Amino acid sequence: MQADIVAELIRANVAVHAFNQRDVAGIFDMIRTLGALVGAPGKAEALANSLARASTLCMSAAFDYRNGRGSISRNGTSR
């Protein structure tokens, strides 16, 4: 279905950009690419970096919790 829509848009001379992220790093790369496309590469880089840091903190907290080294409080922060 998406391929049909894309083909129709291309025939109508509309620029089409497709993203196909396969992992979290791909999502961050897509954010940077989209930022470049809309003329906001600095903002996109800052957003991607901020999300990457938050993702790393979440993975670290989950690892600690899973291994009995921490707990999650009611507000979602690890302690």
N, C-alpha and C. Protein backbone atom coordinates (compact mmCIF):
# COMPACT_ATOMS: atom_id res chain seq x y z
N MET A 1 0.81 -1.18 0.00
CA MET A 1 0.00 0.00 0.00
C MET A 1 0.87 1.26 0.00
N GLN A 2 1.90 1.30 0.88
CA GLN A 2 2.77 2.47 0.92
C GLN A 2 3.49 2.66 -0.40
N ALA A 3 3.92 1.55 -1.01
CA ALA A 3 4.62 1.65 -2.29
C ALA A 3 3.72 2.28 -3.35
N ASP A 4 2.44 1.94 -3.33
CA ASP A 4 1.50 2.52 -4.29
C ASP A 4 1.34 4.02 -4.06
N ILE A 5 1.25 4.41 -2.81
CA ILE A 5 1.13 5.84 -2.48
C ILE A 5 2.38 6.59 -2.91
N VAL A 6 3.54 6.02 -2.61
CA VAL A 6 4.80 6.65 -2.99
C VAL A 6 4.90 6.78 -4.51
N ALA A 7 4.56 5.72 -5.22
CA ALA A 7 4.62 5.76 -6.68
C ALA A 7 3.71 6.85 -7.24
N GLU A 8 2.52 6.97 -6.67
CA GLU A 8 1.58 7.99 -7.13
C GLU A 8 2.12 9.40 -6.86
N LEU A 9 2.70 9.60 -5.70
CA LEU A 9 3.28 10.90 -5.38
C LEU A 9 4.43 11.25 -6.32
N ILE A 10 5.28 10.27 -6.60
CA ILE A 10 6.40 10.51 -7.51
C ILE A 10 5.90 10.87 -8.90
N ARG A 11 4.88 10.15 -9.37
CA ARG A 11 4.30 10.46 -10.68
C ARG A 11 3.72 11.87 -10.70
N ALA A 12 3.27 12.36 -9.55
CA ALA A 12 2.72 13.72 -9.45
C ALA A 12 3.82 14.75 -9.21
N ASN A 13 5.07 14.30 -9.32
CA ASN A 13 6.23 15.18 -9.19
C ASN A 13 6.38 15.74 -7.77
N VAL A 14 6.02 14.93 -6.78
CA VAL A 14 6.18 15.31 -5.38
C VAL A 14 7.42 14.60 -4.84
N ALA A 15 8.29 15.35 -4.18
CA ALA A 15 9.49 14.75 -3.59
C ALA A 15 9.07 13.83 -2.45
N VAL A 16 9.64 12.64 -2.43
CA VAL A 16 9.31 11.66 -1.41
C VAL A 16 10.58 11.21 -0.70
N HIS A 17 10.54 11.20 0.61
CA HIS A 17 11.66 10.71 1.41
C HIS A 17 11.12 9.59 2.29
N ALA A 18 11.77 8.45 2.25
CA ALA A 18 11.32 7.30 3.03
C ALA A 18 12.35 6.96 4.10
N PHE A 19 11.85 6.55 5.24
CA PHE A 19 12.71 6.12 6.33
C PHE A 19 12.31 4.71 6.71
N ASN A 20 13.30 3.90 7.01
CA ASN A 20 13.05 2.51 7.38
C ASN A 20 14.00 2.12 8.50
N GLN A 21 13.71 2.63 9.70
CA GLN A 21 14.59 2.37 10.83
C GLN A 21 14.47 0.91 11.27
N ARG A 22 15.61 0.31 11.55
CA ARG A 22 15.63 -1.07 12.00
C ARG A 22 16.09 -1.20 13.45
N ASP A 23 16.52 -0.09 14.03
CA ASP A 23 16.95 -0.11 15.42
C ASP A 23 16.89 1.31 15.98
N VAL A 24 17.18 1.45 17.24
CA VAL A 24 17.10 2.75 17.90
C VAL A 24 18.11 3.73 17.30
N ALA A 25 19.30 3.26 17.00
CA ALA A 25 20.30 4.13 16.36
C ALA A 25 19.78 4.66 15.03
N GLY A 26 19.04 3.84 14.31
CA GLY A 26 18.44 4.27 13.05
C GLY A 26 17.42 5.38 13.25
N ILE A 27 16.70 5.33 14.36
CA ILE A 27 15.74 6.39 14.66
C ILE A 27 16.48 7.71 14.90
N PHE A 28 17.58 7.65 15.64
CA PHE A 28 18.36 8.87 15.88
C PHE A 28 18.94 9.41 14.57
N ASP A 29 19.40 8.53 13.69
CA ASP A 29 19.90 8.96 12.38
C ASP A 29 18.79 9.60 11.56
N MET A 30 17.58 9.05 11.63
CA MET A 30 16.45 9.60 10.91
C MET A 30 16.12 11.00 11.42
N ILE A 31 16.20 11.21 12.72
CA ILE A 31 15.95 12.53 13.28
C ILE A 31 16.95 13.54 12.73
N ARG A 32 18.22 13.14 12.66
CA ARG A 32 19.25 14.03 12.12
C ARG A 32 19.01 14.32 10.64
N THR A 33 18.65 13.30 9.89
CA THR A 33 18.37 13.48 8.46
C THR A 33 17.18 14.41 8.25
N LEU A 34 16.13 14.19 9.00
CA LEU A 34 14.94 15.03 8.88
C LEU A 34 15.25 16.47 9.25
N GLY A 35 16.06 16.64 10.29
CA GLY A 35 16.48 17.99 10.67
C GLY A 35 17.22 18.69 9.55
N ALA A 36 18.09 17.94 8.87
CA ALA A 36 18.83 18.52 7.74
C ALA A 36 17.88 18.88 6.60
N LEU A 37 16.88 18.04 6.36
CA LEU A 37 15.92 18.30 5.27
C LEU A 37 15.10 19.55 5.51
N VAL A 38 14.78 19.84 6.78
CA VAL A 38 13.93 21.00 7.07
C VAL A 38 14.74 22.23 7.51
N GLY A 39 16.06 22.14 7.41
CA GLY A 39 16.90 23.29 7.72
C GLY A 39 17.13 23.51 9.20
N ALA A 40 17.06 22.47 9.99
CA ALA A 40 17.29 22.59 11.43
C ALA A 40 18.24 21.51 11.93
N PRO A 41 19.43 21.41 11.31
CA PRO A 41 20.33 20.32 11.70
C PRO A 41 20.81 20.43 13.14
N GLY A 42 21.03 21.63 13.64
CA GLY A 42 21.49 21.80 15.01
C GLY A 42 20.45 21.33 16.03
N LYS A 43 19.20 21.71 15.79
CA LYS A 43 18.13 21.29 16.69
C LYS A 43 17.94 19.77 16.63
N ALA A 44 18.03 19.21 15.43
CA ALA A 44 17.87 17.76 15.28
C ALA A 44 19.00 17.02 15.98
N GLU A 45 20.21 17.53 15.85
CA GLU A 45 21.36 16.90 16.52
C GLU A 45 21.18 16.94 18.03
N ALA A 46 20.74 18.09 18.54
CA ALA A 46 20.53 18.23 19.99
C ALA A 46 19.43 17.27 20.46
N LEU A 47 18.35 17.16 19.69
CA LEU A 47 17.26 16.26 20.05
C LEU A 47 17.73 14.81 20.03
N ALA A 48 18.42 14.42 18.96
CA ALA A 48 18.90 13.04 18.85
C ALA A 48 19.86 12.71 20.00
N ASN A 49 20.75 13.63 20.32
CA ASN A 49 21.69 13.40 21.42
C ASN A 49 20.97 13.30 22.76
N SER A 50 19.98 14.17 22.97
CA SER A 50 19.21 14.13 24.21
C SER A 50 18.46 12.81 24.34
N LEU A 51 17.84 12.36 23.27
CA LEU A 51 17.11 11.09 23.30
C LEU A 51 18.06 9.91 23.50
N ALA A 52 19.24 9.99 22.90
CA ALA A 52 20.22 8.91 23.07
C ALA A 52 20.67 8.82 24.52
N ARG A 53 20.91 9.98 25.14
CA ARG A 53 21.30 9.98 26.56
C ARG A 53 20.18 9.41 27.43
N ALA A 54 18.95 9.83 27.17
CA ALA A 54 17.82 9.32 27.95
C ALA A 54 17.67 7.81 27.75
N SER A 55 17.86 7.35 26.54
CA SER A 55 17.78 5.92 26.25
C SER A 55 18.85 5.15 27.01
N THR A 56 20.05 5.68 27.04
CA THR A 56 21.15 5.05 27.77
C THR A 56 20.84 4.99 29.27
N LEU A 57 20.30 6.07 29.81
CA LEU A 57 19.93 6.08 31.24
C LEU A 57 18.85 5.05 31.53
N CYS A 58 17.87 4.95 30.66
CA CYS A 58 16.80 3.96 30.85
C CYS A 58 17.34 2.54 30.80
N MET A 59 18.21 2.27 29.83
CA MET A 59 18.79 0.93 29.72
C MET A 59 19.63 0.61 30.95
N SER A 60 20.38 1.58 31.44
CA SER A 60 21.21 1.38 32.62
C SER A 60 20.36 1.10 33.85
N ALA A 61 19.29 1.88 34.02
CA ALA A 61 18.40 1.68 35.16
C ALA A 61 17.72 0.32 35.08
N ALA A 62 17.32 -0.09 33.88
CA ALA A 62 16.68 -1.40 33.71
C ALA A 62 17.67 -2.52 34.02
N PHE A 63 18.91 -2.36 33.59
CA PHE A 63 19.94 -3.36 33.87
C PHE A 63 20.16 -3.48 35.38
N ASP A 64 20.29 -2.33 36.05
CA ASP A 64 20.49 -2.33 37.50
C ASP A 64 19.31 -2.97 38.21
N TYR A 65 18.10 -2.62 37.80
CA TYR A 65 16.90 -3.18 38.43
C TYR A 65 16.85 -4.69 38.23
N ARG A 66 17.14 -5.12 37.01
CA ARG A 66 17.10 -6.55 36.69
C ARG A 66 18.13 -7.33 37.50
N ASN A 67 19.24 -6.70 37.80
CA ASN A 67 20.32 -7.37 38.51
C ASN A 67 20.31 -7.07 40.02
N GLY A 68 19.19 -6.58 40.52
CA GLY A 68 19.02 -6.36 41.94
C GLY A 68 19.80 -5.21 42.52
N ARG A 69 20.25 -4.28 41.68
CA ARG A 69 21.05 -3.16 42.16
C ARG A 69 20.27 -1.86 42.26
N GLY A 70 19.00 -1.92 42.06
CA GLY A 70 18.23 -0.68 42.13
C GLY A 70 16.75 -0.98 42.13
N SER A 71 15.97 0.04 42.27
CA SER A 71 14.53 -0.08 42.21
C SER A 71 13.98 1.13 41.49
N ILE A 72 12.76 1.02 41.08
CA ILE A 72 12.11 2.13 40.38
C ILE A 72 11.08 2.72 41.35
N SER A 73 11.15 4.04 41.54
CA SER A 73 10.21 4.72 42.44
C SER A 73 8.90 4.97 41.72
N ARG A 74 7.93 5.47 42.43
CA ARG A 74 6.62 5.72 41.84
C ARG A 74 6.67 6.71 40.69
N ASN A 75 7.56 7.69 40.74
CA ASN A 75 7.61 8.67 39.67
C ASN A 75 8.48 8.22 38.50
N GLY A 76 8.95 6.99 38.54
CA GLY A 76 9.67 6.43 37.40
C GLY A 76 11.17 6.59 37.45
N THR A 77 11.68 7.26 38.47
CA THR A 77 13.12 7.42 38.56
C THR A 77 13.74 6.25 39.31
N SER A 78 14.96 5.92 38.97
CA SER A 78 15.63 4.85 39.69
C SER A 78 16.26 5.42 40.95
N ARG A 79 16.40 4.56 41.94
CA ARG A 79 17.05 5.01 43.17
C ARG A 79 18.01 3.97 43.64
